[in-house]
Amino acid sequence: MEYRKLGGSGLHVPVLSFGTATFGGEGNFFKAWGTTQLDEAKQLVKLCMDAGVNFFDTANIYSGGVSEEILGKALEGIRDEVLISTKATFRMGDGANDYGSSRFHLLRSADESLRRLQTDHIDVYHLHGFDGNTPVEETLRALDDLITSGKVRYIACSNFSGWHLMKSLSISERYGWAKYIAHQAYYSLLDREFEWELMPLGIDQNVSTIVWSPLSSGRLSGKFRRGVEVPADNRIAQGGSHGPATNFERLYNIVDVLDEVAAETEKSVAQVALNWLLQRPTVANLVIGARNEEQLKQNLAAVGWNLTTEQVKRLDAASEVDPIYPYWHQRQDIRLNPLPKFY
């Protein structure tokens, strides 16, 4: 298993982590992702460990904390061998302070996650989203205190805009507080908007990318293709997907090229799509999920080999999308804008 350094820290993580949003399956949304219970969770954890994947990602909101509870039990006896990532910010109750990135909510959320995970520390603690109602200074001071207390080792963010992340980094630097070392973001061959601003920011500020939904909610799994009826039990059909409506013609065009490259490499469509991501700037880790052992084994085989430069270029061309302003203006002809692209 290949390991990469996470941002400006000294922490090395495997290029794949196992996402446990499928653990529990409480509520309609998370039930659509999966309903993995403890016995199967232990088997999936063992498969990951055998493959060198010792990084496990969860969040307090996943099945209302049940995912954290199952993961904590599944890691009994091997806690010192693994890295755990969890998240806070989103609503966890009906109270006025049961959501957000206030000091009150973050400190309480961290303690509750530690209890559910049965551990004394969280290796990477993410803000699940940006809270525009709480001063950034309050949020970052609370996170710095969690690090100072030993309850958290490193901090990261997720689903931030460019200015959210840049402002946070600036304030951390101003006061000498811990900085975000990674940004967990939505990125795939089908969803490349991340490249417009967040990727250049990550390059400039040495913030790594941890990719969530690298197969675009299963759209790049190989099940979606022209003339093929998609199984009714897929995540999208059951209401567990993310993002805007899918442009299926564009998806099929991308899958056509994925099919070609898969045949050339003797890999699956999903493995090719994951490997493409691992060759993108700033990407340090992909969060892979699985409803069962077979899916996990397939995803684990996305590493240990690389696409050729020519294959990457073909996939780039098939998935390219015209950017919105000001990014299209910044990418104009070199004679008008001599600034180089960031990737």
C-alpha atoms as a PDB file:
ATOM      1  CA  MET A   1       0.000   0.000   0.000  1.00  0.00           C
ATOM      2  CA  GLU A   2       1.319   3.418  -0.958  1.00  0.00           C
ATOM      3  CA  TYR A   3       1.405   6.105   1.733  1.00  0.00           C
ATOM      4  CA  ARG A   4       1.359   9.865   1.172  1.00  0.00           C
ATOM      5  CA  LYS A   5       2.031  12.777   3.513  1.00  0.00           C
ATOM      6  CA  LEU A   6      -1.076  14.712   4.505  1.00  0.00           C
ATOM      7  CA  GLY A   7      -0.612  18.375   3.677  1.00  0.00           C
ATOM      8  CA  GLY A   8       1.882  20.369   5.700  1.00  0.00           C
ATOM      9  CA  SER A   9       1.947  17.795   8.502  1.00  0.00           C
ATOM     10  CA  GLY A  10       4.239  14.891   9.214  1.00  0.00           C
ATOM     11  CA  LEU A  11       1.356  12.400   9.094  1.00  0.00           C
ATOM     12  CA  HIS A  12       1.466   9.723   6.418  1.00  0.00           C
ATOM     13  CA  VAL A  13      -1.755   8.023   5.356  1.00  0.00           C
ATOM     14  CA  PRO A  14      -2.509   5.193   2.923  1.00  0.00           C
ATOM     15  CA  VAL A  15      -3.854   6.368  -0.434  1.00  0.00           C
ATOM     16  CA  LEU A  16      -7.098   4.544   0.338  1.00  0.00           C
ATOM     17  CA  SER A  17      -9.220   4.896   3.457  1.00  0.00           C
ATOM     18  CA  PHE A  18     -12.357   2.966   4.278  1.00  0.00           C
ATOM     19  CA  GLY A  19     -15.515   5.042   4.629  1.00  0.00           C
ATOM     20  CA  THR A  20     -18.012   3.698   7.147  1.00  0.00           C
ATOM     21  CA  ALA A  21     -21.140   5.642   6.187  1.00  0.00           C
ATOM     22  CA  THR A  22     -22.596   2.227   5.331  1.00  0.00           C
ATOM     23  CA  PHE A  23     -22.318   1.137   8.971  1.00  0.00           C
ATOM     24  CA  GLY A  24     -25.683   1.127  10.723  1.00  0.00           C
ATOM     25  CA  GLY A  25     -28.075   2.244   8.022  1.00  0.00           C
ATOM     26  CA  GLU A  26     -30.300   4.253  10.370  1.00  0.00           C
ATOM     27  CA  GLY A  27     -32.822   6.490   8.569  1.00  0.00           C
ATOM     28  CA  ASN A  28     -33.787   6.445   4.897  1.00  0.00           C
ATOM     29  CA  PHE A  29     -30.773   8.395   3.620  1.00  0.00           C
ATOM     30  CA  PHE A  30     -28.086   6.270   5.247  1.00  0.00           C
ATOM     31  CA  LYS A  31     -30.070   3.076   4.697  1.00  0.00           C
ATOM     32  CA  ALA A  32     -29.661   3.764   0.961  1.00  0.00           C
ATOM     33  CA  TRP A  33     -25.884   3.748   1.471  1.00  0.00           C
ATOM     34  CA  GLY A  34     -25.824   0.444   3.334  1.00  0.00           C
ATOM     35  CA  THR A  35     -26.863  -1.377   6.499  1.00  0.00           C
ATOM     36  CA  THR A  36     -23.611  -3.015   7.608  1.00  0.00           C
ATOM     37  CA  GLN A  37     -23.785  -4.372  11.150  1.00  0.00           C
ATOM     38  CA  LEU A  38     -20.994  -5.320  13.544  1.00  0.00           C
ATOM     39  CA  ASP A  39     -20.091  -8.843  12.384  1.00  0.00           C
ATOM     40  CA  GLU A  40     -19.742  -7.795   8.750  1.00  0.00           C
ATOM     41  CA  ALA A  41     -18.002  -4.567   9.776  1.00  0.00           C
ATOM     42  CA  LYS A  42     -15.319  -6.645  11.517  1.00  0.00           C
ATOM     43  CA  GLN A  43     -14.765  -8.637   8.324  1.00  0.00           C
ATOM     44  CA  LEU A  44     -14.483  -5.478   6.231  1.00  0.00           C
ATOM     45  CA  VAL A  45     -12.000  -4.000   8.697  1.00  0.00           C
ATOM     46  CA  LYS A  46      -9.928  -7.182   8.506  1.00  0.00           C
ATOM     47  CA  LEU A  47      -9.889  -7.043   4.698  1.00  0.00           C
ATOM     48  CA  CYS A  48      -8.703  -3.446   4.859  1.00  0.00           C
ATOM     49  CA  MET A  49      -5.950  -4.211   7.360  1.00  0.00           C
ATOM     50  CA  ASP A  50      -4.749  -7.185   5.317  1.00  0.00           C
ATOM     51  CA  ALA A  51      -4.455  -4.849   2.304  1.00  0.00           C
ATOM     52  CA  GLY A  52      -2.559  -2.176   4.254  1.00  0.00           C
ATOM     53  CA  VAL A  53      -5.520   0.184   4.580  1.00  0.00           C
ATOM     54  CA  ASN A  54      -5.391   1.275   8.212  1.00  0.00           C
ATOM     55  CA  PHE A  55      -7.268   4.590   7.846  1.00  0.00           C
ATOM     56  CA  PHE A  56     -10.989   4.583   8.676  1.00  0.00           C
ATOM     57  CA  ASP A  57     -13.341   7.500   8.013  1.00  0.00           C
ATOM     58  CA  THR A  58     -16.651   8.161   9.745  1.00  0.00           C
ATOM     59  CA  ALA A  59     -18.754  11.085  11.028  1.00  0.00           C
ATOM     60  CA  ASN A  60     -20.983  11.737  13.994  1.00  0.00           C
ATOM     61  CA  ILE A  61     -23.954  12.320  11.688  1.00  0.00           C
ATOM     62  CA  TYR A  62     -23.690   8.917   9.979  1.00  0.00           C
ATOM     63  CA  SER A  63     -26.774   7.057  11.213  1.00  0.00           C
ATOM     64  CA  GLY A  64     -26.925   9.440  14.166  1.00  0.00           C
ATOM     65  CA  GLY A  65     -23.710   8.132  15.709  1.00  0.00           C
ATOM     66  CA  VAL A  66     -24.327   4.434  15.060  1.00  0.00           C
ATOM     67  CA  SER A  67     -21.553   4.318  12.458  1.00  0.00           C
ATOM     68  CA  GLU A  68     -19.042   5.563  15.029  1.00  0.00           C
ATOM     69  CA  GLU A  69     -20.276   3.016  17.571  1.00  0.00           C
ATOM     70  CA  ILE A  70     -19.923   0.088  15.155  1.00  0.00           C
ATOM     71  CA  LEU A  71     -16.505   1.256  13.987  1.00  0.00           C
ATOM     72  CA  GLY A  72     -15.297   1.598  17.573  1.00  0.00           C
ATOM     73  CA  LYS A  73     -16.352  -1.960  18.362  1.00  0.00           C
ATOM     74  CA  ALA A  74     -14.890  -3.287  15.092  1.00  0.00           C
ATOM     75  CA  LEU A  75     -11.501  -1.761  15.978  1.00  0.00           C
ATOM     76  CA  GLU A  76     -11.321  -3.258  19.461  1.00  0.00           C
ATOM     77  CA  GLY A  77      -7.837  -4.604  20.099  1.00  0.00           C
ATOM     78  CA  ILE A  78      -6.204  -2.860  17.129  1.00  0.00           C
ATOM     79  CA  ARG A  79      -6.762   0.828  17.929  1.00  0.00           C
ATOM     80  CA  ASP A  80      -3.017   1.525  18.108  1.00  0.00           C
ATOM     81  CA  GLU A  81      -2.573   0.136  14.575  1.00  0.00           C
ATOM     82  CA  VAL A  82      -5.100   2.406  12.847  1.00  0.00           C
ATOM     83  CA  LEU A  83      -5.956   6.017  12.066  1.00  0.00           C
ATOM     84  CA  ILE A  84      -9.483   7.281  12.677  1.00  0.00           C
ATOM     85  CA  SER A  85     -11.095  10.262  10.997  1.00  0.00           C
ATOM     86  CA  THR A  86     -14.445  11.637  12.105  1.00  0.00           C
ATOM     87  CA  LYS A  87     -16.410  14.844  11.664  1.00  0.00           C
ATOM     88  CA  ALA A  88     -18.674  17.372  13.341  1.00  0.00           C
ATOM     89  CA  THR A  89     -20.760  20.483  12.470  1.00  0.00           C
ATOM     90  CA  PHE A  90     -24.007  19.056  11.121  1.00  0.00           C
ATOM     91  CA  ARG A  91     -27.119  18.777  13.285  1.00  0.00           C
ATOM     92  CA  MET A  92     -27.133  16.067  15.951  1.00  0.00           C
ATOM     93  CA  GLY A  93     -30.261  17.050  17.873  1.00  0.00           C
ATOM     94  CA  ASP A  94     -33.195  19.427  18.072  1.00  0.00           C
ATOM     95  CA  GLY A  95     -31.594  21.962  20.396  1.00  0.00           C
ATOM     96  CA  ALA A  96     -30.408  25.430  19.399  1.00  0.00           C
ATOM     97  CA  ASN A  97     -26.777  24.406  20.017  1.00  0.00           C
ATOM     98  CA  ASP A  98     -26.971  20.918  18.530  1.00  0.00           C
ATOM     99  CA  TYR A  99     -25.334  21.937  15.260  1.00  0.00           C
ATOM    100  CA  GLY A 100     -22.656  24.220  13.863  1.00  0.00           C
ATOM    101  CA  SER A 101     -18.996  24.874  14.588  1.00  0.00           C
ATOM    102  CA  SER A 102     -19.340  26.837  17.807  1.00  0.00           C
ATOM    103  CA  ARG A 103     -16.976  26.096  20.668  1.00  0.00           C
ATOM    104  CA  PHE A 104     -19.931  24.674  22.599  1.00  0.00           C
ATOM    105  CA  HIS A 105     -20.938  22.252  19.873  1.00  0.00           C
ATOM    106  CA  LEU A 106     -17.441  21.174  18.767  1.00  0.00           C
ATOM    107  CA  LEU A 107     -16.132  20.383  22.256  1.00  0.00           C
ATOM    108  CA  ARG A 108     -19.250  18.407  23.120  1.00  0.00           C
ATOM    109  CA  SER A 109     -19.272  16.648  19.735  1.00  0.00           C
ATOM    110  CA  ALA A 110     -15.645  15.595  20.111  1.00  0.00           C
ATOM    111  CA  ASP A 111     -16.302  14.088  23.547  1.00  0.00           C
ATOM    112  CA  GLU A 112     -19.354  12.233  22.258  1.00  0.00           C
ATOM    113  CA  SER A 113     -17.417  10.873  19.258  1.00  0.00           C
ATOM    114  CA  LEU A 114     -14.594   9.719  21.537  1.00  0.00           C
ATOM    115  CA  ARG A 115     -17.118   7.859  23.673  1.00  0.00           C
ATOM    116  CA  ARG A 116     -18.818   6.190  20.704  1.00  0.00           C
ATOM    117  CA  LEU A 117     -15.494   5.264  19.101  1.00  0.00           C
ATOM    118  CA  GLN A 118     -14.143   3.922  22.406  1.00  0.00           C
ATOM    119  CA  THR A 119     -10.895   5.806  22.056  1.00  0.00           C
ATOM    120  CA  ASP A 120      -9.018   8.601  23.808  1.00  0.00           C
ATOM    121  CA  HIS A 121      -8.089  10.501  20.659  1.00  0.00           C
ATOM    122  CA  ILE A 122      -9.207  11.248  17.091  1.00  0.00           C
ATOM    123  CA  ASP A 123      -6.408  11.214  14.539  1.00  0.00           C
ATOM    124  CA  VAL A 124      -8.017  13.560  11.975  1.00  0.00           C
ATOM    125  CA  TYR A 125     -10.983  15.692  13.041  1.00  0.00           C
ATOM    126  CA  HIS A 126     -12.957  17.337  10.236  1.00  0.00           C
ATOM    127  CA  LEU A 127     -15.438  20.135  10.133  1.00  0.00           C
ATOM    128  CA  HIS A 128     -18.108  18.515   7.950  1.00  0.00           C
ATOM    129  CA  GLY A 129     -19.080  21.878   6.468  1.00  0.00           C
ATOM    130  CA  PHE A 130     -18.554  25.606   6.948  1.00  0.00           C
ATOM    131  CA  ASP A 131     -20.623  27.367   9.613  1.00  0.00           C
ATOM    132  CA  GLY A 132     -21.249  30.942   8.504  1.00  0.00           C
ATOM    133  CA  ASN A 133     -23.007  31.798  11.777  1.00  0.00           C
ATOM    134  CA  THR A 134     -19.983  31.241  14.032  1.00  0.00           C
ATOM    135  CA  PRO A 135     -16.872  33.454  13.998  1.00  0.00           C
ATOM    136  CA  VAL A 136     -14.022  31.570  12.342  1.00  0.00           C
ATOM    137  CA  GLU A 137     -11.779  32.598  15.232  1.00  0.00           C
ATOM    138  CA  GLU A 138     -14.056  30.817  17.723  1.00  0.00           C
ATOM    139  CA  THR A 139     -14.075  27.648  15.652  1.00  0.00           C
ATOM    140  CA  LEU A 140     -10.324  27.508  15.122  1.00  0.00           C
ATOM    141  CA  ARG A 141      -9.518  28.292  18.761  1.00  0.00           C
ATOM    142  CA  ALA A 142     -11.783  25.435  19.854  1.00  0.00           C
ATOM    143  CA  LEU A 143     -10.084  23.060  17.409  1.00  0.00           C
ATOM    144  CA  ASP A 144      -6.650  24.200  18.576  1.00  0.00           C
ATOM    145  CA  ASP A 145      -7.691  23.529  22.184  1.00  0.00           C
ATOM    146  CA  LEU A 146      -8.794  20.012  21.192  1.00  0.00           C
ATOM    147  CA  ILE A 147      -5.318  19.426  19.795  1.00  0.00           C
ATOM    148  CA  THR A 148      -3.625  20.903  22.869  1.00  0.00           C
ATOM    149  CA  SER A 149      -5.729  18.669  25.109  1.00  0.00           C
ATOM    150  CA  GLY A 150      -4.627  15.554  23.196  1.00  0.00           C
ATOM    151  CA  LYS A 151      -8.155  14.632  22.156  1.00  0.00           C
ATOM    152  CA  VAL A 152      -7.392  15.417  18.493  1.00  0.00           C
ATOM    153  CA  ARG A 153      -4.118  14.945  16.594  1.00  0.00           C
ATOM    154  CA  TYR A 154      -4.809  16.881  13.367  1.00  0.00           C
ATOM    155  CA  ILE A 155      -7.637  19.003  11.980  1.00  0.00           C
ATOM    156  CA  ALA A 156      -9.147  19.091   8.513  1.00  0.00           C
ATOM    157  CA  CYS A 157     -12.215  20.519   6.804  1.00  0.00           C
ATOM    158  CA  SER A 158     -14.757  19.299   4.306  1.00  0.00           C
ATOM    159  CA  ASN A 159     -16.999  20.893   1.671  1.00  0.00           C
ATOM    160  CA  PHE A 160     -15.480  24.370   2.082  1.00  0.00           C
ATOM    161  CA  SER A 161     -15.451  27.074  -0.565  1.00  0.00           C
ATOM    162  CA  GLY A 162     -12.086  28.512  -1.502  1.00  0.00           C
ATOM    163  CA  TRP A 163     -12.569  31.636   0.587  1.00  0.00           C
ATOM    164  CA  HIS A 164     -13.741  29.568   3.586  1.00  0.00           C
ATOM    165  CA  LEU A 165     -10.504  27.610   3.552  1.00  0.00           C
ATOM    166  CA  MET A 166      -8.202  30.533   2.779  1.00  0.00           C
ATOM    167  CA  LYS A 167      -9.705  32.693   5.542  1.00  0.00           C
ATOM    168  CA  SER A 168      -9.344  29.843   8.013  1.00  0.00           C
ATOM    169  CA  LEU A 169      -5.701  29.251   7.095  1.00  0.00           C
ATOM    170  CA  SER A 170      -4.951  32.955   7.411  1.00  0.00           C
ATOM    171  CA  ILE A 171      -6.510  33.208  10.882  1.00  0.00           C
ATOM    172  CA  SER A 172      -4.686  30.094  12.085  1.00  0.00           C
ATOM    173  CA  GLU A 173      -1.403  31.574  10.897  1.00  0.00           C
ATOM    174  CA  ARG A 174      -2.180  34.954  12.522  1.00  0.00           C
ATOM    175  CA  TYR A 175      -2.703  33.449  15.962  1.00  0.00           C
ATOM    176  CA  GLY A 176      -0.333  30.507  15.742  1.00  0.00           C
ATOM    177  CA  TRP A 177      -3.121  27.943  15.930  1.00  0.00           C
ATOM    178  CA  ALA A 178      -3.238  24.541  14.263  1.00  0.00           C
ATOM    179  CA  LYS A 179      -4.003  24.649  10.542  1.00  0.00           C
ATOM    180  CA  TYR A 180      -6.184  22.427   8.409  1.00  0.00           C
ATOM    181  CA  ILE A 181      -3.896  19.877   6.792  1.00  0.00           C
ATOM    182  CA  ALA A 182      -6.496  18.395   4.463  1.00  0.00           C
ATOM    183  CA  HIS A 183      -9.763  19.168   2.734  1.00  0.00           C
ATOM    184  CA  GLN A 184     -12.197  16.280   2.253  1.00  0.00           C
ATOM    185  CA  ALA A 185     -13.940  17.138  -0.991  1.00  0.00           C
ATOM    186  CA  TYR A 186     -16.270  15.807  -3.671  1.00  0.00           C
ATOM    187  CA  TYR A 187     -14.209  14.997  -6.774  1.00  0.00           C
ATOM    188  CA  SER A 188     -14.319  12.441  -9.585  1.00  0.00           C
ATOM    189  CA  LEU A 189     -14.027  12.078 -13.343  1.00  0.00           C
ATOM    190  CA  LEU A 190     -17.675  13.113 -13.546  1.00  0.00           C
ATOM    191  CA  ASP A 191     -17.405  15.956 -11.012  1.00  0.00           C
ATOM    192  CA  ARG A 192     -14.344  18.087 -11.738  1.00  0.00           C
ATOM    193  CA  GLU A 193     -15.383  21.493 -10.378  1.00  0.00           C
ATOM    194  CA  PHE A 194     -12.943  20.942  -7.510  1.00  0.00           C
ATOM    195  CA  GLU A 195     -10.141  21.734  -9.968  1.00  0.00           C
ATOM    196  CA  TRP A 196     -11.308  25.290 -10.630  1.00  0.00           C
ATOM    197  CA  GLU A 197     -10.302  26.898  -7.320  1.00  0.00           C
ATOM    198  CA  LEU A 198      -9.879  24.395  -4.512  1.00  0.00           C
ATOM    199  CA  MET A 199      -7.108  22.416  -6.211  1.00  0.00           C
ATOM    200  CA  PRO A 200      -4.963  25.495  -6.974  1.00  0.00           C
ATOM    201  CA  LEU A 201      -5.518  26.633  -3.377  1.00  0.00           C
ATOM    202  CA  GLY A 202      -4.411  23.246  -2.076  1.00  0.00           C
ATOM    203  CA  ILE A 203      -1.264  23.380  -4.188  1.00  0.00           C
ATOM    204  CA  ASP A 204      -0.425  26.895  -3.046  1.00  0.00           C
ATOM    205  CA  GLN A 205      -1.171  26.350   0.654  1.00  0.00           C
ATOM    206  CA  ASN A 206       0.002  22.723   0.946  1.00  0.00           C
ATOM    207  CA  VAL A 207      -3.410  21.354   1.879  1.00  0.00           C
ATOM    208  CA  SER A 208      -3.976  17.771   0.770  1.00  0.00           C
ATOM    209  CA  THR A 209      -7.201  16.459  -0.693  1.00  0.00           C
ATOM    210  CA  ILE A 210      -9.098  13.522   0.745  1.00  0.00           C
ATOM    211  CA  VAL A 211     -11.679  12.604  -1.881  1.00  0.00           C
ATOM    212  CA  TRP A 212     -15.179  11.541  -0.878  1.00  0.00           C
ATOM    213  CA  SER A 213     -17.500   9.801  -3.336  1.00  0.00           C
ATOM    214  CA  PRO A 214     -14.663   9.145  -5.823  1.00  0.00           C
ATOM    215  CA  LEU A 215     -17.061   7.074  -7.960  1.00  0.00           C
ATOM    216  CA  SER A 216     -19.747   9.796  -7.932  1.00  0.00           C
ATOM    217  CA  SER A 217     -22.284   7.852  -5.868  1.00  0.00           C
ATOM    218  CA  GLY A 218     -21.695   4.770  -8.007  1.00  0.00           C
ATOM    219  CA  ARG A 219     -22.184   6.470 -11.367  1.00  0.00           C
ATOM    220  CA  LEU A 220     -18.615   5.455 -12.295  1.00  0.00           C
ATOM    221  CA  SER A 221     -18.898   1.928 -10.919  1.00  0.00           C
ATOM    222  CA  GLY A 222     -19.506   0.408 -14.339  1.00  0.00           C
ATOM    223  CA  LYS A 223     -23.207  -0.204 -13.739  1.00  0.00           C
ATOM    224  CA  PHE A 224     -24.290   2.958 -15.556  1.00  0.00           C
ATOM    225  CA  ARG A 225     -23.886   2.673 -19.318  1.00  0.00           C
ATOM    226  CA  ARG A 226     -25.871   3.118 -22.508  1.00  0.00           C
ATOM    227  CA  GLY A 227     -28.677   0.622 -23.002  1.00  0.00           C
ATOM    228  CA  VAL A 228     -28.208  -1.092 -19.647  1.00  0.00           C
ATOM    229  CA  GLU A 229     -30.917  -1.014 -17.000  1.00  0.00           C
ATOM    230  CA  VAL A 230     -29.455   0.035 -13.669  1.00  0.00           C
ATOM    231  CA  PRO A 231     -30.301  -2.275 -10.742  1.00  0.00           C
ATOM    232  CA  ALA A 232     -33.060  -0.871  -8.536  1.00  0.00           C
ATOM    233  CA  ASP A 233     -31.009  -1.404  -5.374  1.00  0.00           C
ATOM    234  CA  ASN A 234     -28.343   1.134  -6.345  1.00  0.00           C
ATOM    235  CA  ARG A 235     -27.681   4.086  -4.059  1.00  0.00           C
ATOM    236  CA  ILE A 236     -28.989   6.723  -6.450  1.00  0.00           C
ATOM    237  CA  ALA A 237     -32.328   4.998  -7.053  1.00  0.00           C
ATOM    238  CA  GLN A 238     -32.841   4.701  -3.307  1.00  0.00           C
ATOM    239  CA  GLY A 239     -32.209   8.388  -2.643  1.00  0.00           C
ATOM    240  CA  GLY A 240     -28.685   8.246  -1.254  1.00  0.00           C
ATOM    241  CA  SER A 241     -26.835  10.268  -3.877  1.00  0.00           C
ATOM    242  CA  HIS A 242     -25.323  13.753  -3.879  1.00  0.00           C
ATOM    243  CA  GLY A 243     -25.039  16.647  -6.260  1.00  0.00           C
ATOM    244  CA  PRO A 244     -27.055  18.123  -9.120  1.00  0.00           C
ATOM    245  CA  ALA A 245     -28.960  16.144 -11.716  1.00  0.00           C
ATOM    246  CA  THR A 246     -26.760  13.883 -13.819  1.00  0.00           C
ATOM    247  CA  ASN A 247     -26.023  14.711 -17.444  1.00  0.00           C
ATOM    248  CA  PHE A 248     -26.283  11.113 -18.598  1.00  0.00           C
ATOM    249  CA  GLU A 249     -24.948  11.723 -22.102  1.00  0.00           C
ATOM    250  CA  ARG A 250     -21.765  13.158 -20.607  1.00  0.00           C
ATOM    251  CA  LEU A 251     -21.598  10.263 -18.132  1.00  0.00           C
ATOM    252  CA  TYR A 252     -21.941   7.717 -20.921  1.00  0.00           C
ATOM    253  CA  ASN A 253     -19.215   9.434 -22.944  1.00  0.00           C
ATOM    254  CA  ILE A 254     -16.876   9.176 -19.963  1.00  0.00           C
ATOM    255  CA  VAL A 255     -17.802   5.530 -19.380  1.00  0.00           C
ATOM    256  CA  ASP A 256     -17.089   4.769 -23.055  1.00  0.00           C
ATOM    257  CA  VAL A 257     -13.473   5.840 -22.549  1.00  0.00           C
ATOM    258  CA  LEU A 258     -13.307   4.113 -19.169  1.00  0.00           C
ATOM    259  CA  ASP A 259     -14.371   0.913 -20.930  1.00  0.00           C
ATOM    260  CA  GLU A 260     -11.567   1.310 -23.474  1.00  0.00           C
ATOM    261  CA  VAL A 261      -8.925   1.924 -20.807  1.00  0.00           C
ATOM    262  CA  ALA A 262     -10.282  -0.877 -18.627  1.00  0.00           C
ATOM    263  CA  ALA A 263      -9.849  -3.304 -21.525  1.00  0.00           C
ATOM    264  CA  GLU A 264      -6.287  -2.078 -22.115  1.00  0.00           C
ATOM    265  CA  THR A 265      -5.289  -2.376 -18.459  1.00  0.00           C
ATOM    266  CA  GLU A 266      -7.348  -5.483 -17.652  1.00  0.00           C
ATOM    267  CA  LYS A 267      -8.892  -3.556 -14.770  1.00  0.00           C
ATOM    268  CA  SER A 268     -12.500  -2.695 -13.987  1.00  0.00           C
ATOM    269  CA  VAL A 269     -14.166   0.615 -14.850  1.00  0.00           C
ATOM    270  CA  ALA A 270     -14.260   1.563 -11.175  1.00  0.00           C
ATOM    271  CA  GLN A 271     -10.589   0.726 -10.662  1.00  0.00           C
ATOM    272  CA  VAL A 272      -9.600   2.913 -13.613  1.00  0.00           C
ATOM    273  CA  ALA A 273     -11.719   5.811 -12.320  1.00  0.00           C
ATOM    274  CA  LEU A 274     -10.107   5.553  -8.881  1.00  0.00           C
ATOM    275  CA  ASN A 275      -6.590   5.273 -10.285  1.00  0.00           C
ATOM    276  CA  TRP A 276      -7.143   8.433 -12.371  1.00  0.00           C
ATOM    277  CA  LEU A 277      -7.901  10.344  -9.171  1.00  0.00           C
ATOM    278  CA  LEU A 278      -4.731   9.103  -7.489  1.00  0.00           C
ATOM    279  CA  GLN A 279      -2.704  10.803 -10.225  1.00  0.00           C
ATOM    280  CA  ARG A 280      -4.289  14.237  -9.681  1.00  0.00           C
ATOM    281  CA  PRO A 281      -2.460  17.071  -7.887  1.00  0.00           C
ATOM    282  CA  THR A 282      -3.053  17.412  -4.108  1.00  0.00           C
ATOM    283  CA  VAL A 283      -4.881  14.065  -3.844  1.00  0.00           C
ATOM    284  CA  ALA A 284      -3.498  12.115  -0.898  1.00  0.00           C
ATOM    285  CA  ASN A 285      -6.343   9.735  -0.154  1.00  0.00           C
ATOM    286  CA  LEU A 286      -9.581   8.333  -1.553  1.00  0.00           C
ATOM    287  CA  VAL A 287     -12.394   7.367   0.800  1.00  0.00           C
ATOM    288  CA  ILE A 288     -13.760   4.112  -0.594  1.00  0.00           C
ATOM    289  CA  GLY A 289     -16.955   2.555   0.660  1.00  0.00           C
ATOM    290  CA  ALA A 290     -18.439  -0.888   0.217  1.00  0.00           C
ATOM    291  CA  ARG A 291     -21.708  -2.604   1.024  1.00  0.00           C
ATOM    292  CA  ASN A 292     -20.052  -6.021   0.997  1.00  0.00           C
ATOM    293  CA  GLU A 293     -16.718  -7.802   0.848  1.00  0.00           C
ATOM    294  CA  GLU A 294     -16.702  -8.189  -2.940  1.00  0.00           C
ATOM    295  CA  GLN A 295     -17.138  -4.450  -3.519  1.00  0.00           C
ATOM    296  CA  LEU A 296     -14.329  -3.734  -1.072  1.00  0.00           C
ATOM    297  CA  LYS A 297     -11.961  -6.208  -2.723  1.00  0.00           C
ATOM    298  CA  GLN A 298     -12.653  -4.607  -6.116  1.00  0.00           C
ATOM    299  CA  ASN A 299     -11.941  -1.100  -4.814  1.00  0.00           C
ATOM    300  CA  LEU A 300      -8.765  -2.166  -3.010  1.00  0.00           C
ATOM    301  CA  ALA A 301      -7.369  -3.332  -6.372  1.00  0.00           C
ATOM    302  CA  ALA A 302      -7.317   0.255  -7.660  1.00  0.00           C
ATOM    303  CA  VAL A 303      -3.774   0.715  -6.296  1.00  0.00           C
ATOM    304  CA  GLY A 304      -0.414  -0.848  -7.054  1.00  0.00           C
ATOM    305  CA  TRP A 305      -0.409   0.189 -10.713  1.00  0.00           C
ATOM    306  CA  ASN A 306      -0.742   3.398 -12.744  1.00  0.00           C
ATOM    307  CA  LEU A 307      -2.474   4.542 -15.887  1.00  0.00           C
ATOM    308  CA  THR A 308      -0.195   5.711 -18.668  1.00  0.00           C
ATOM    309  CA  THR A 309       0.116   9.402 -19.472  1.00  0.00           C
ATOM    310  CA  GLU A 310      -1.751   8.812 -22.727  1.00  0.00           C
ATOM    311  CA  GLN A 311      -4.613   7.043 -20.941  1.00  0.00           C
ATOM    312  CA  VAL A 312      -4.883   9.875 -18.423  1.00  0.00           C
ATOM    313  CA  LYS A 313      -5.067  12.409 -21.246  1.00  0.00           C
ATOM    314  CA  ARG A 314      -7.903  10.496 -22.910  1.00  0.00           C
ATOM    315  CA  LEU A 315      -9.869  10.414 -19.685  1.00  0.00           C
ATOM    316  CA  ASP A 316      -9.142  14.120 -19.136  1.00  0.00           C
ATOM    317  CA  ALA A 317     -10.507  14.961 -22.558  1.00  0.00           C
ATOM    318  CA  ALA A 318     -13.639  12.822 -22.164  1.00  0.00           C
ATOM    319  CA  SER A 319     -14.508  14.380 -18.794  1.00  0.00           C
ATOM    320  CA  GLU A 320     -13.538  18.006 -19.433  1.00  0.00           C
ATOM    321  CA  VAL A 321     -16.283  20.532 -18.692  1.00  0.00           C
ATOM    322  CA  ASP A 322     -16.386  24.233 -19.482  1.00  0.00           C
ATOM    323  CA  PRO A 323     -15.739  26.166 -16.260  1.00  0.00           C
ATOM    324  CA  ILE A 324     -17.864  29.034 -14.991  1.00  0.00           C
ATOM    325  CA  TYR A 325     -16.592  32.608 -14.678  1.00  0.00           C
ATOM    326  CA  PRO A 326     -13.956  33.668 -13.712  1.00  0.00           C
ATOM    327  CA  TYR A 327     -12.254  30.354 -14.383  1.00  0.00           C
ATOM    328  CA  TRP A 328     -12.980  30.276 -18.124  1.00  0.00           C
ATOM    329  CA  HIS A 329     -11.471  33.751 -18.400  1.00  0.00           C
ATOM    330  CA  GLN A 330      -8.359  32.660 -16.517  1.00  0.00           C
ATOM    331  CA  ARG A 331      -7.929  29.761 -18.933  1.00  0.00           C
ATOM    332  CA  GLN A 332      -8.053  31.839 -22.102  1.00  0.00           C
ATOM    333  CA  ASP A 333      -5.434  31.677 -24.811  1.00  0.00           C
ATOM    334  CA  ILE A 334      -1.886  32.055 -23.493  1.00  0.00           C
ATOM    335  CA  ARG A 335      -1.467  35.172 -25.673  1.00  0.00           C
ATOM    336  CA  LEU A 336      -4.167  36.914 -23.656  1.00  0.00           C
ATOM    337  CA  ASN A 337      -3.391  35.417 -20.272  1.00  0.00           C
ATOM    338  CA  PRO A 338       0.191  34.218 -19.773  1.00  0.00           C
ATOM    339  CA  LEU A 339      -0.494  32.741 -16.346  1.00  0.00           C
ATOM    340  CA  PRO A 340       0.050  28.950 -16.336  1.00  0.00           C
ATOM    341  CA  LYS A 341      -2.561  26.448 -15.236  1.00  0.00           C
ATOM    342  CA  PHE A 342      -2.087  24.962 -11.801  1.00  0.00           C
ATOM    343  CA  TYR A 343      -2.267  21.373 -13.024  1.00  0.00           C
END
